[in-house]
């Protein structure tokens, strides 16, 4: 369905009737406050991408809709939020679901900024401004990227070139063609030397690979994907051009998500978090962590929020892969031990919060780090006194105790113990339930758990590129090539030799899908991979719905109402 839409109505559909508390940003990438044409045009787009990828916007939508993460009503007191997370996880969302609605709002709002930036920069570029031309290429990619998010979420693309033109809604092959044409128009001319915080040539190549790899789903979102050799050949072409370039795999997996990761050579595109716009968020780090954990003792106000946890089903995929060998020792991507408990303190038999006054060790505040990866069992961390101050040893070092579960313990005070089982029952929803995602470091530069982080949020990296090429090779009948790519990736994580994943002896689609989960968890990819691999209609913890129409989210009712003056323009997706 392609119909014209006036610009004012186009914006109304983007915003609907929502009320946004948008941060007032310094509209300049330099942080000087001088909103000159180039920087003042592109900074609002890059800045708003942080809102798109908030934990309670598109990141949460992707994670909670998949078999990777679950967010119950914690202790009957936290994270109900009208039931939006539970509904999305169960695939029972409606057009009024605010998690879906917020993702629509911020994706389309950012897209509208990209359209206006393109218009403004085009005029400058035509006047001979090379800096404006380079920035224009970036905004063309931003348009394609945001439209790909919309296509992935709702099965549609907004085609709009400037504010004096009408827009069209595209679906299926027409949507693919539009995104492809935009990316191809700049792939050979966009700069490749601006780092991962800006759209660059390798990011364009990676987006083209994503588009071709998922094209079969975009053409027929409710059917069985028919993967075409021509598409897979293009995936191989563009991923190979990246793999043969300047990027390299990180030997330490978790350095990809640490302070200073902006300069990690594996990163291709990321949200630059180095303090220029002063709106950097840390939600991917703290969203899953226990609300009783103080992750940065230098800042006593920091804590987790006891929200999402890994489903037992996702954890089981690791157990299935490694059998009797603990996945924490078999795969460096599953776990990194940072909180080193002295041997004499590890046995907690008979130790309780009521008698553990001396059951601690001392460490410099800046040296304390919580464990990384998927967190299980009893956790350790700083403790506060009655006045809210971090308890210290005589030499000023921080005391590290088993963390007390104060959030749902009631009269029976006990330690936080992250169990495997988590679900929507009363017992399964307690604050301690579920293994936790601890992939991102709590930044040493952050004065609280949510802001001023120096850790870039990773949106594309070389590890994903290897997996895309492996999948395209496998679907093209080249299992040997696919196995080589997967094993190159696995064995590259060798900074901790005892935990380096062993090379696989064979590969098939089932094994490859499992491997994508091991490499890319907590990065917002799982839903898309489940759909493409035919897993999205399955059953997992708390979810039994098998309707293929749930592969796409409902178009928010507020957007349909906003377009009501153009009958038939914005039609609800099937199944809602």
Protein backbone atom coordinates (compact mmCIF):
# COMPACT_ATOMS: atom_id res chain seq x y z
CA UNK A 1 0.00 0.00 0.00
CA UNK A 2 1.60 3.28 -1.16
CA UNK A 3 -0.32 6.46 -0.43
CA UNK A 4 0.67 10.07 -0.12
CA UNK A 5 0.85 11.67 3.30
CA UNK A 6 1.21 15.40 3.97
CA UNK A 7 4.22 16.34 6.09
CA UNK A 8 2.19 17.56 9.05
CA UNK A 9 0.26 14.31 9.18
CA UNK A 10 3.50 12.40 8.76
CA UNK A 11 4.84 14.01 11.93
CA UNK A 12 1.52 13.44 13.72
CA UNK A 13 1.74 9.73 12.96
CA UNK A 14 5.26 9.75 14.34
CA UNK A 15 4.28 11.43 17.60
CA UNK A 16 0.65 10.45 18.06
CA UNK A 17 -0.83 11.87 21.25
CA UNK A 18 2.08 10.99 23.50
CA UNK A 19 3.69 13.48 25.84
CA UNK A 20 7.46 13.31 25.66
CA UNK A 21 9.83 14.71 28.25
CA UNK A 22 12.65 15.20 25.78
CA UNK A 23 16.02 16.28 27.16
CA UNK A 24 17.25 19.66 25.98
CA UNK A 25 20.44 18.75 24.20
CA UNK A 26 23.42 20.83 23.18
CA UNK A 27 22.77 20.46 19.45
CA UNK A 28 26.44 20.16 18.57
CA UNK A 29 28.79 17.21 18.50
CA UNK A 30 31.59 19.42 19.74
CA UNK A 31 29.83 20.31 23.00
CA UNK A 32 30.51 24.02 22.45
CA UNK A 33 26.89 25.07 22.16
CA UNK A 34 27.47 26.41 18.66
CA UNK A 35 24.71 24.82 16.60
CA UNK A 36 26.50 25.27 13.26
CA UNK A 37 24.86 23.64 10.27
CA UNK A 38 26.66 20.31 10.06
CA UNK A 39 27.04 19.43 13.71
CA UNK A 40 23.72 21.04 14.59
CA UNK A 41 21.98 18.86 12.00
CA UNK A 42 23.39 15.47 12.89
CA UNK A 43 23.76 15.74 16.67
CA UNK A 44 19.98 15.61 17.29
CA UNK A 45 19.83 12.35 15.33
CA UNK A 46 22.71 10.66 17.10
CA UNK A 47 21.50 12.04 20.43
CA UNK A 48 17.98 10.69 19.98
CA UNK A 49 19.33 7.23 19.11
CA UNK A 50 20.07 6.92 22.83
CA UNK A 51 16.35 7.26 23.48
CA UNK A 52 15.57 4.63 20.85
CA UNK A 53 17.88 2.20 22.62
CA UNK A 54 16.74 2.87 26.18
CA UNK A 55 16.04 -0.21 28.28
CA UNK A 56 12.33 0.64 28.38
CA UNK A 57 12.12 1.46 24.67
CA UNK A 58 13.47 -0.59 21.75
CA UNK A 59 16.11 -2.49 23.71
CA UNK A 60 13.56 -3.80 26.20
CA UNK A 61 11.09 -4.52 23.41
CA UNK A 62 13.59 -6.75 21.61
CA UNK A 63 14.87 -8.52 24.71
CA UNK A 64 11.60 -9.17 26.53
CA UNK A 65 9.78 -10.35 23.39
CA UNK A 66 12.38 -13.09 22.92
CA UNK A 67 13.24 -16.27 24.80
CA UNK A 68 16.29 -14.54 26.23
CA UNK A 69 14.81 -12.25 28.91
CA UNK A 70 11.79 -12.12 31.17
CA UNK A 71 10.53 -9.33 33.42
CA UNK A 72 7.95 -10.43 36.02
CA UNK A 73 6.07 -8.26 38.52
CA UNK A 74 8.90 -8.26 41.05
CA UNK A 75 7.66 -9.10 44.53
CA UNK A 76 4.24 -7.73 43.60
CA UNK A 77 5.68 -4.21 43.93
CA UNK A 78 8.13 -3.47 41.08
CA UNK A 79 8.09 -3.40 37.28
CA UNK A 80 4.44 -4.14 36.60
CA UNK A 81 4.01 -0.91 34.58
CA UNK A 82 0.51 -1.79 33.44
CA UNK A 83 1.57 -5.28 32.47
CA UNK A 84 3.39 -4.13 29.33
CA UNK A 85 6.50 -6.27 29.83
CA UNK A 86 4.52 -9.39 30.69
CA UNK A 87 2.26 -8.95 27.65
CA UNK A 88 5.18 -8.47 25.27
CA UNK A 89 6.96 -11.51 26.66
CA UNK A 90 3.81 -13.62 26.25
CA UNK A 91 3.18 -12.21 22.74
CA UNK A 92 -0.19 -10.96 23.97
CA UNK A 93 0.48 -7.25 23.40
CA UNK A 94 -2.22 -4.95 22.06
CA UNK A 95 -2.08 -1.69 20.07
CA UNK A 96 -2.18 0.21 23.38
CA UNK A 97 0.94 -1.46 24.83
CA UNK A 98 3.19 1.40 25.88
CA UNK A 99 6.46 -0.51 25.42
CA UNK A 100 5.57 -0.96 21.76
CA UNK A 101 4.24 2.59 21.59
CA UNK A 102 7.38 4.16 23.03
CA UNK A 103 9.55 2.27 20.56
CA UNK A 104 7.38 3.56 17.71
CA UNK A 105 7.50 7.11 19.04
CA UNK A 106 11.26 7.33 19.41
CA UNK A 107 12.12 5.48 16.20
CA UNK A 108 9.82 7.67 14.15
CA UNK A 109 10.80 10.85 15.97
CA UNK A 110 14.47 10.14 15.31
CA UNK A 111 13.62 9.33 11.70
CA UNK A 112 11.91 12.69 11.35
CA UNK A 113 15.09 14.34 12.63
CA UNK A 114 17.12 12.43 10.05
CA UNK A 115 14.81 13.58 7.24
CA UNK A 116 15.16 17.20 8.31
CA UNK A 117 18.94 16.81 8.67
CA UNK A 118 19.17 15.39 5.14
CA UNK A 119 17.21 18.32 3.76
CA UNK A 120 19.36 20.87 5.53
CA UNK A 121 22.65 19.22 4.64
CA UNK A 122 21.70 18.73 0.99
CA UNK A 123 21.46 22.47 0.54
CA UNK A 124 24.88 22.95 2.13
CA UNK A 125 26.46 20.14 0.13
CA UNK A 126 25.15 21.55 -3.14
CA UNK A 127 26.92 24.75 -2.24
CA UNK A 128 30.25 22.93 -2.18
CA UNK A 129 30.57 22.20 1.55
CA UNK A 130 32.41 18.85 1.70
CA UNK A 131 31.88 18.49 5.44
CA UNK A 132 28.14 18.83 4.84
CA UNK A 133 28.32 16.25 2.06
CA UNK A 134 30.06 13.76 4.36
CA UNK A 135 27.45 14.40 7.05
CA UNK A 136 24.67 14.00 4.47
CA UNK A 137 25.93 10.51 3.71
CA UNK A 138 25.68 9.69 7.41
CA UNK A 139 22.10 10.92 7.59
CA UNK A 140 21.15 8.86 4.54
CA UNK A 141 22.43 5.85 6.48
CA UNK A 142 20.56 6.98 9.59
CA UNK A 143 17.35 7.10 7.55
CA UNK A 144 17.99 3.56 6.29
CA UNK A 145 18.94 2.27 9.74
CA UNK A 146 15.85 3.69 11.46
CA UNK A 147 13.60 2.46 8.67
CA UNK A 148 15.14 -0.98 9.05
CA UNK A 149 14.18 -0.91 12.72
CA UNK A 150 10.63 0.04 11.71
CA UNK A 151 10.57 -2.71 9.09
CA UNK A 152 11.79 -5.25 11.60
CA UNK A 153 9.27 -4.18 14.25
CA UNK A 154 6.15 -3.34 12.23
CA UNK A 155 6.80 -4.52 8.68
CA UNK A 156 6.76 -1.06 7.14
CA UNK A 157 9.09 1.69 5.98
CA UNK A 158 8.54 5.47 5.77
CA UNK A 159 9.75 6.84 2.45
CA UNK A 160 10.29 10.58 2.67
CA UNK A 161 13.02 12.68 1.10
CA UNK A 162 12.23 16.22 2.30
CA UNK A 163 9.59 18.23 4.11
CA UNK A 164 7.98 19.56 0.94
CA UNK A 165 7.30 16.08 -0.41
CA UNK A 166 4.64 13.58 0.49
CA UNK A 167 5.60 10.35 2.17
CA UNK A 168 4.79 6.76 1.35
CA UNK A 169 4.45 3.64 3.45
CA UNK A 170 6.31 0.71 1.91
CA UNK A 171 6.17 -2.96 2.78
CA UNK A 172 7.77 -6.15 1.53
CA UNK A 173 10.08 -5.93 -1.46
CA UNK A 174 9.37 -2.22 -1.97
CA UNK A 175 10.58 -1.54 1.57
CA UNK A 176 13.72 -3.62 1.01
CA UNK A 177 14.42 -1.81 -2.26
CA UNK A 178 14.13 1.61 -0.62
CA UNK A 179 16.52 0.78 2.21
CA UNK A 180 18.90 -0.97 -0.17
CA UNK A 181 18.97 1.98 -2.57
CA UNK A 182 19.80 4.41 0.25
CA UNK A 183 22.63 2.25 1.56
CA UNK A 184 24.06 1.51 -1.89
CA UNK A 185 24.02 5.20 -2.73
CA UNK A 186 26.64 5.91 -0.06
CA UNK A 187 28.53 2.66 0.54
CA UNK A 188 31.40 3.62 -1.78
CA UNK A 189 31.64 7.29 -0.77
CA UNK A 190 31.00 7.52 2.97
CA UNK A 191 34.06 7.97 5.18
CA UNK A 192 35.46 5.07 7.15
CA UNK A 193 37.75 6.95 9.54
CA UNK A 194 35.38 8.52 12.09
CA UNK A 195 35.24 5.67 14.59
CA UNK A 196 32.29 3.63 15.82
CA UNK A 197 30.30 6.60 17.13
CA UNK A 198 29.35 7.71 13.61
CA UNK A 199 27.86 5.84 10.67
CA UNK A 200 30.83 4.81 8.52
CA UNK A 201 31.56 2.63 5.50
CA UNK A 202 31.85 -0.60 7.47
CA UNK A 203 28.57 0.16 9.26
CA UNK A 204 26.90 0.55 5.85
CA UNK A 205 28.37 -2.76 4.70
CA UNK A 206 27.12 -4.39 7.89
CA UNK A 207 23.63 -2.94 7.44
CA UNK A 208 23.51 -4.20 3.86
CA UNK A 209 24.49 -7.66 5.11
CA UNK A 210 21.72 -7.52 7.75
CA UNK A 211 19.20 -6.43 5.11
CA UNK A 212 20.04 -9.22 2.67
CA UNK A 213 20.22 -11.84 5.43
CA UNK A 214 16.75 -10.94 6.65
CA UNK A 215 15.22 -10.12 3.25
CA UNK A 216 13.30 -13.40 3.10
CA UNK A 217 11.53 -12.50 6.35
CA UNK A 218 10.82 -8.93 5.22
CA UNK A 219 9.29 -10.16 1.94
CA UNK A 220 6.92 -12.54 3.69
CA UNK A 221 6.83 -11.81 7.43
CA UNK A 222 4.25 -14.48 8.23
CA UNK A 223 5.45 -17.29 6.00
CA UNK A 224 8.35 -19.72 6.00
CA UNK A 225 11.40 -17.73 4.87
CA UNK A 226 12.70 -18.63 1.41
CA UNK A 227 16.37 -17.69 1.45
CA UNK A 228 17.69 -16.78 -1.98
CA UNK A 229 21.22 -17.58 -3.07
CA UNK A 230 21.57 -14.09 -4.51
CA UNK A 231 20.84 -12.55 -1.09
CA UNK A 232 23.25 -14.90 0.67
CA UNK A 233 25.96 -14.10 -1.89
CA UNK A 234 25.57 -10.41 -1.06
CA UNK A 235 25.77 -11.14 2.67
CA UNK A 236 29.04 -12.95 2.05
CA UNK A 237 30.30 -10.12 -0.16
CA UNK A 238 29.71 -7.35 2.37
CA UNK A 239 30.73 -9.26 5.48
CA UNK A 240 33.94 -10.39 3.75
CA UNK A 241 34.78 -6.78 2.91
CA UNK A 242 34.61 -5.98 6.64
CA UNK A 243 36.41 -9.10 7.84
CA UNK A 244 39.28 -8.34 5.50
CA UNK A 245 39.61 -4.79 6.82
CA UNK A 246 40.85 -2.93 9.86
CA UNK A 247 38.67 -4.54 12.55
CA UNK A 248 39.81 -7.39 14.75
CA UNK A 249 38.19 -9.67 17.32
CA UNK A 250 38.72 -8.86 20.99
CA UNK A 251 40.61 -11.62 22.88
CA UNK A 252 38.85 -10.55 26.11
CA UNK A 253 35.15 -10.75 25.38
CA UNK A 254 34.08 -8.40 28.16
CA UNK A 255 36.49 -5.66 27.10
CA UNK A 256 33.93 -5.04 24.36
CA UNK A 257 31.64 -3.68 27.07
CA UNK A 258 34.11 -1.93 29.40
CA UNK A 259 35.15 1.65 30.02
CA UNK A 260 37.14 2.85 27.05
CA UNK A 261 35.55 0.39 24.62
CA UNK A 262 35.14 3.21 22.08
CA UNK A 263 38.64 2.38 20.85
CA UNK A 264 38.16 -1.39 20.78
CA UNK A 265 38.94 -2.47 17.20
CA UNK A 266 36.02 -4.90 17.13
CA UNK A 267 33.40 -2.14 17.35
CA UNK A 268 31.86 -1.02 14.06
CA UNK A 269 28.93 1.13 15.19
CA UNK A 270 28.06 2.16 18.75
CA UNK A 271 26.37 4.91 20.71
CA UNK A 272 29.23 7.18 21.68
CA UNK A 273 29.08 7.56 25.45
CA UNK A 274 32.13 9.72 26.09
CA UNK A 275 30.37 12.69 27.65
CA UNK A 276 29.93 15.14 24.77
CA UNK A 277 26.16 15.43 24.94
CA UNK A 278 25.90 14.66 28.66
CA UNK A 279 22.93 12.35 28.18
CA UNK A 280 24.72 9.01 28.27
CA UNK A 281 22.75 6.23 29.91
CA UNK A 282 23.86 3.09 31.71
CA UNK A 283 20.55 1.23 31.64
CA UNK A 284 21.87 -1.83 29.82
CA UNK A 285 24.25 -2.29 32.75
CA UNK A 286 21.93 -1.81 35.69
CA UNK A 287 18.55 -3.01 34.39
CA UNK A 288 19.10 -6.67 35.27
CA UNK A 289 21.27 -6.26 38.37
CA UNK A 290 20.00 -6.84 41.92
CA UNK A 291 18.53 -3.76 43.54
CA UNK A 292 20.50 -4.65 46.66
CA UNK A 293 23.83 -4.60 44.81
CA UNK A 294 26.01 -1.47 44.96
CA UNK A 295 28.13 -1.90 41.83
CA UNK A 296 30.35 1.17 42.32
CA UNK A 297 31.27 1.76 45.97
CA UNK A 298 32.73 5.18 45.13
CA UNK A 299 29.14 6.24 44.52
CA UNK A 300 26.86 4.85 47.28
CA UNK A 301 23.68 5.85 45.44
CA UNK A 302 24.36 3.34 42.66
CA UNK A 303 22.39 0.11 42.60
CA UNK A 304 20.74 -2.30 40.23
CA UNK A 305 17.03 -2.38 39.63
CA UNK A 306 16.00 -6.06 39.78
CA UNK A 307 14.19 -6.07 36.46
CA UNK A 308 14.96 -8.50 33.65
CA UNK A 309 16.47 -11.94 34.14
CA UNK A 310 17.56 -14.67 31.76
CA UNK A 311 14.88 -17.25 31.11
CA UNK A 312 15.70 -20.79 32.27
CA UNK A 313 15.23 -21.77 28.63
CA UNK A 314 18.07 -19.52 27.51
CA UNK A 315 20.34 -20.77 30.27
CA UNK A 316 19.46 -24.33 29.23
CA UNK A 317 20.92 -23.71 25.76
CA UNK A 318 24.32 -23.30 27.42
CA UNK A 319 23.83 -26.42 29.52
CA UNK A 320 22.83 -28.39 26.41
CA UNK A 321 26.00 -27.27 24.65
CA UNK A 322 28.46 -28.09 27.43
CA UNK A 323 26.78 -31.00 29.23
CA UNK A 324 28.48 -31.95 32.47
CA UNK A 325 31.10 -29.21 32.09
CA UNK A 326 30.07 -25.97 33.80
CA UNK A 327 29.53 -23.39 31.08
CA UNK A 328 31.22 -20.78 33.28
CA UNK A 329 34.49 -22.64 32.89
CA UNK A 330 33.93 -23.83 29.33
CA UNK A 331 33.12 -20.51 27.65
CA UNK A 332 34.67 -17.12 28.41
CA UNK A 333 31.56 -15.41 27.12
CA UNK A 334 29.33 -16.89 29.82
CA UNK A 335 31.18 -15.60 32.86
CA UNK A 336 34.09 -13.54 34.10
CA UNK A 337 34.97 -13.76 37.79
CA UNK A 338 35.88 -10.31 39.13
CA UNK A 339 34.78 -10.48 42.78
CA UNK A 340 37.44 -12.80 44.18
CA UNK A 341 36.21 -14.20 47.50
CA UNK A 342 38.98 -15.38 49.88
CA UNK A 343 38.95 -19.14 50.34
CA UNK A 344 38.15 -18.92 54.05
CA UNK A 345 34.97 -16.92 53.34
CA UNK A 346 33.49 -18.98 50.53
CA UNK A 347 31.66 -21.47 52.73
CA UNK A 348 28.47 -19.77 53.94
CA UNK A 349 27.23 -22.75 55.95
CA UNK A 350 25.71 -21.36 59.13
CA UNK A 351 26.44 -17.79 58.09
CA UNK A 352 23.44 -15.44 58.00
CA UNK A 353 22.93 -11.68 57.84
CA UNK A 354 22.33 -11.83 61.60
CA UNK A 355 25.78 -13.21 62.44
CA UNK A 356 28.06 -12.16 59.58
CA UNK A 357 29.58 -9.00 61.08
CA UNK A 358 33.09 -10.40 60.52
CA UNK A 359 32.36 -12.27 57.28
CA UNK A 360 33.89 -9.77 54.88
CA UNK A 361 37.11 -8.87 53.12
CA UNK A 362 38.62 -5.48 52.28
CA UNK A 363 39.41 -3.95 48.90
CA UNK A 364 40.14 -0.50 47.48
CA UNK A 365 36.87 1.00 46.25
CA UNK A 366 38.14 1.58 42.72
CA UNK A 367 39.30 -2.04 42.49
CA UNK A 368 35.91 -3.57 43.21
CA UNK A 369 34.14 -5.01 40.17
CA UNK A 370 31.01 -7.12 40.06
CA UNK A 371 31.18 -10.37 38.12
CA UNK A 372 30.32 -10.23 34.46
CA UNK A 373 28.29 -12.33 32.07
CA UNK A 374 25.40 -14.38 33.45
CA UNK A 375 25.30 -14.06 37.24
CA UNK A 376 24.17 -16.99 39.39
CA UNK A 377 23.82 -17.77 43.07
CA UNK A 378 24.88 -15.62 46.02
CA UNK A 379 26.43 -12.30 45.08
CA UNK A 380 28.93 -10.17 47.02
CA UNK A 381 29.33 -6.42 47.28
CA UNK A 382 29.64 -3.33 49.48
CA UNK A 383 27.28 -2.82 52.39
CA UNK A 384 25.87 0.42 53.78
CA UNK A 385 25.55 1.42 57.43
CA UNK A 386 22.39 2.87 58.97
CA UNK A 387 23.32 6.30 57.65
CA UNK A 388 23.62 5.09 54.06
CA UNK A 389 27.42 5.24 54.02
CA UNK A 390 29.58 2.50 52.54
CA UNK A 391 31.10 0.45 55.38
CA UNK A 392 34.88 0.49 55.41
CA UNK A 393 37.78 -1.27 57.08
CA UNK A 394 40.21 0.47 59.43
CA UNK A 395 42.52 1.33 56.53
CA UNK A 396 39.69 2.96 54.55
CA UNK A 397 39.17 0.11 52.14
CA UNK A 398 35.65 -1.05 51.38
CA UNK A 399 34.13 -4.03 53.16
CA UNK A 400 32.76 -6.68 50.78
CA UNK A 401 30.03 -8.92 52.22
CA UNK A 402 27.47 -11.35 50.84
CA UNK A 403 24.71 -9.03 49.62
CA UNK A 404 21.59 -9.02 51.82
CA UNK A 405 18.24 -9.41 50.10
CA UNK A 406 16.23 -6.56 51.57
CA UNK A 407 13.70 -6.18 48.79
CA UNK A 408 11.46 -9.21 49.33
CA UNK A 409 12.92 -10.90 52.39
CA UNK A 410 10.32 -9.66 54.83
CA UNK A 411 11.02 -10.97 58.31
CA UNK A 412 13.17 -13.82 56.97
CA UNK A 413 16.34 -11.89 56.13
CA UNK A 414 18.62 -13.79 53.76
CA UNK A 415 21.23 -13.20 51.09
CA UNK A 416 20.52 -12.42 47.44
CA UNK A 417 20.67 -15.78 45.69
CA UNK A 418 19.97 -15.65 41.95
CA UNK A 419 18.14 -18.88 41.27
CA UNK A 420 17.68 -20.48 37.86
CA UNK A 421 13.90 -20.46 37.96
CA UNK A 422 12.05 -17.24 37.26
CA UNK A 423 8.51 -16.91 35.96
CA UNK A 424 5.25 -15.03 36.44
CA UNK A 425 4.13 -16.92 39.55
CA UNK A 426 4.31 -15.25 42.94
CA UNK A 427 7.34 -17.29 44.01
CA UNK A 428 9.02 -17.01 40.61
CA UNK A 429 8.64 -13.23 40.61
CA UNK A 430 10.56 -12.53 43.82
CA UNK A 431 13.37 -10.00 43.46
CA UNK A 432 16.17 -12.58 43.63
CA UNK A 433 14.85 -15.00 41.00
CA UNK A 434 16.60 -15.61 37.71
CA UNK A 435 20.18 -15.45 36.50
CA UNK A 436 21.16 -11.88 35.68
CA UNK A 437 22.73 -10.21 32.67
CA UNK A 438 25.91 -8.42 33.69
CA UNK A 439 27.47 -7.77 30.31
CA UNK A 440 28.31 -4.06 30.61
CA UNK A 441 30.77 -2.65 33.11
CA UNK A 442 29.52 -0.09 35.59
CA UNK A 443 31.61 2.85 34.48
CA UNK A 444 34.21 4.20 36.88
CA UNK A 445 33.34 7.67 35.58
CA UNK A 446 29.63 7.43 36.38
CA UNK A 447 28.38 9.42 39.40
CA UNK A 448 25.24 7.31 39.46
CA UNK A 449 24.02 4.08 37.92
CA UNK A 450 22.29 5.67 34.95
CA UNK A 451 24.24 8.63 33.57
CA UNK A 452 27.65 9.88 32.45
CA UNK A 453 28.92 6.46 31.46
CA UNK A 454 32.01 6.21 29.28
CA UNK A 455 31.00 2.77 28.00
CA UNK A 456 29.73 2.90 24.43
CA UNK A 457 26.55 0.91 23.78
CA UNK A 458 27.47 -1.58 21.06
CA UNK A 459 25.08 -1.80 18.09
CA UNK A 460 27.31 -3.56 15.55
CA UNK A 461 30.63 -5.36 15.93
CA UNK A 462 32.86 -7.81 14.13
CA UNK A 463 31.59 -10.83 16.05
CA UNK A 464 28.15 -10.35 14.50
CA UNK A 465 29.74 -10.00 11.07
CA UNK A 466 31.40 -13.41 11.37
CA UNK A 467 28.09 -14.95 12.42
CA UNK A 468 26.24 -13.38 9.49
CA UNK A 469 28.79 -14.72 7.03
CA UNK A 470 28.64 -18.15 8.66
CA UNK A 471 24.86 -18.19 8.31
CA UNK A 472 24.94 -17.10 4.68
CA UNK A 473 27.56 -19.72 3.89
CA UNK A 474 25.55 -22.42 5.64
CA UNK A 475 22.33 -21.47 3.85
CA UNK A 476 24.30 -21.50 0.59
CA UNK A 477 25.45 -25.08 1.16
CA UNK A 478 28.94 -24.36 2.49
CA UNK A 479 29.07 -25.89 6.00
CA UNK A 480 32.88 -25.98 5.95
CA UNK A 481 33.06 -22.23 5.42
CA UNK A 482 30.41 -21.66 8.11
CA UNK A 483 32.30 -23.87 10.58
CA UNK A 484 35.52 -21.98 9.89
CA UNK A 485 33.85 -18.64 10.69
CA UNK A 486 32.22 -19.89 13.89
CA UNK A 487 35.42 -21.47 15.13
CA UNK A 488 37.46 -18.38 14.31
CA UNK A 489 35.05 -16.42 16.48
CA UNK A 490 34.91 -18.93 19.34
CA UNK A 491 38.65 -19.46 19.65
CA UNK A 492 39.41 -15.74 19.41
CA UNK A 493 38.07 -15.22 22.95
CA UNK A 494 41.33 -16.49 24.42
CA UNK A 495 42.42 -13.84 26.95
CA UNK A 496 41.53 -16.35 29.67
CA UNK A 497 42.96 -19.56 28.16
CA UNK A 498 41.23 -21.90 30.61
CA UNK A 499 37.86 -20.54 29.48
CA UNK A 500 38.48 -20.26 25.73
CA UNK A 501 35.58 -21.99 23.94
CA UNK A 502 36.77 -25.08 22.12
CA UNK A 503 36.40 -25.33 18.36
CA UNK A 504 33.30 -27.14 17.12
CA UNK A 505 33.63 -30.27 14.99
CA UNK A 506 30.48 -29.68 12.92
CA UNK A 507 27.83 -27.07 12.26
CA UNK A 508 24.16 -27.02 11.32
CA UNK A 509 21.43 -24.41 11.63
CA UNK A 510 20.46 -25.53 15.13
CA UNK A 511 24.04 -25.27 16.37
CA UNK A 512 24.56 -21.95 14.63
CA UNK A 513 21.42 -20.49 16.19
CA UNK A 514 22.64 -21.58 19.61
CA UNK A 515 26.01 -19.99 18.89
CA UNK A 516 24.43 -16.65 17.99
CA UNK A 517 22.83 -16.64 21.43
CA UNK A 518 26.16 -17.27 23.14
CA UNK A 519 27.92 -14.49 21.27
CA UNK A 520 25.23 -11.80 20.99
CA UNK A 521 23.10 -12.09 24.15
CA UNK A 522 21.97 -8.83 25.78
CA UNK A 523 22.63 -6.87 22.59
CA UNK A 524 19.07 -6.63 21.26
CA UNK A 525 19.37 -9.23 18.45
CA UNK A 526 17.63 -12.32 19.81
CA UNK A 527 14.08 -11.65 18.57
CA UNK A 528 15.21 -11.06 14.99
CA UNK A 529 17.32 -14.22 15.03
CA UNK A 530 14.47 -16.28 16.49
CA UNK A 531 12.14 -15.18 13.72
CA UNK A 532 14.67 -15.87 10.97
CA UNK A 533 15.57 -19.30 12.38
CA UNK A 534 11.91 -20.33 12.84
CA UNK A 535 11.98 -20.28 16.66
CA UNK A 536 9.65 -17.42 17.50
CA UNK A 537 6.42 -19.44 17.65
CA UNK A 538 7.87 -21.88 20.20
CA UNK A 539 7.12 -22.19 23.90
CA UNK A 540 9.38 -20.81 26.62
CA UNK A 541 9.03 -19.63 30.20
CA UNK A 542 5.72 -17.80 30.53
CA UNK A 543 4.97 -17.87 26.79
CA UNK A 544 2.85 -20.35 24.80
CA UNK A 545 1.35 -18.16 22.05
CA UNK A 546 2.21 -19.53 18.59
CA UNK A 547 0.48 -16.98 16.33
CA UNK A 548 2.80 -16.13 13.42
CA UNK A 549 1.26 -12.65 13.27
CA UNK A 550 3.08 -11.81 16.51
CA UNK A 551 6.32 -11.69 14.53
CA UNK A 552 5.35 -8.09 13.92
CA UNK A 553 4.29 -5.78 16.71
CA UNK A 554 0.96 -3.94 16.59
CA UNK A 555 1.00 -0.44 15.16
CA UNK A 556 0.21 1.80 18.13
CA UNK A 557 -3.39 2.91 18.26
CA UNK A 558 -2.28 6.49 18.86
CA UNK A 559 -0.55 6.46 15.46
CA UNK A 560 -3.60 5.06 13.69
CA UNK A 561 -5.81 7.64 15.41
CA UNK A 562 -3.37 10.37 14.35
CA UNK A 563 -3.75 9.29 10.72
CA UNK A 564 -7.54 8.99 10.87
CA UNK A 565 -8.04 11.94 8.53
CA UNK A 566 -6.46 9.83 5.78
CA UNK A 567 -8.70 6.74 5.74
CA UNK A 568 -6.84 3.55 4.92
CA UNK A 569 -3.39 5.12 5.10
CA UNK A 570 -2.15 3.42 8.27
CA UNK A 571 -3.69 -0.03 8.60
CA UNK A 572 -3.22 -2.22 11.67
CA UNK A 573 -1.00 -5.26 11.25
CA UNK A 574 -2.73 -8.63 10.96
CA UNK A 575 -3.63 -10.42 14.16
CA UNK A 576 -4.39 -7.32 16.25
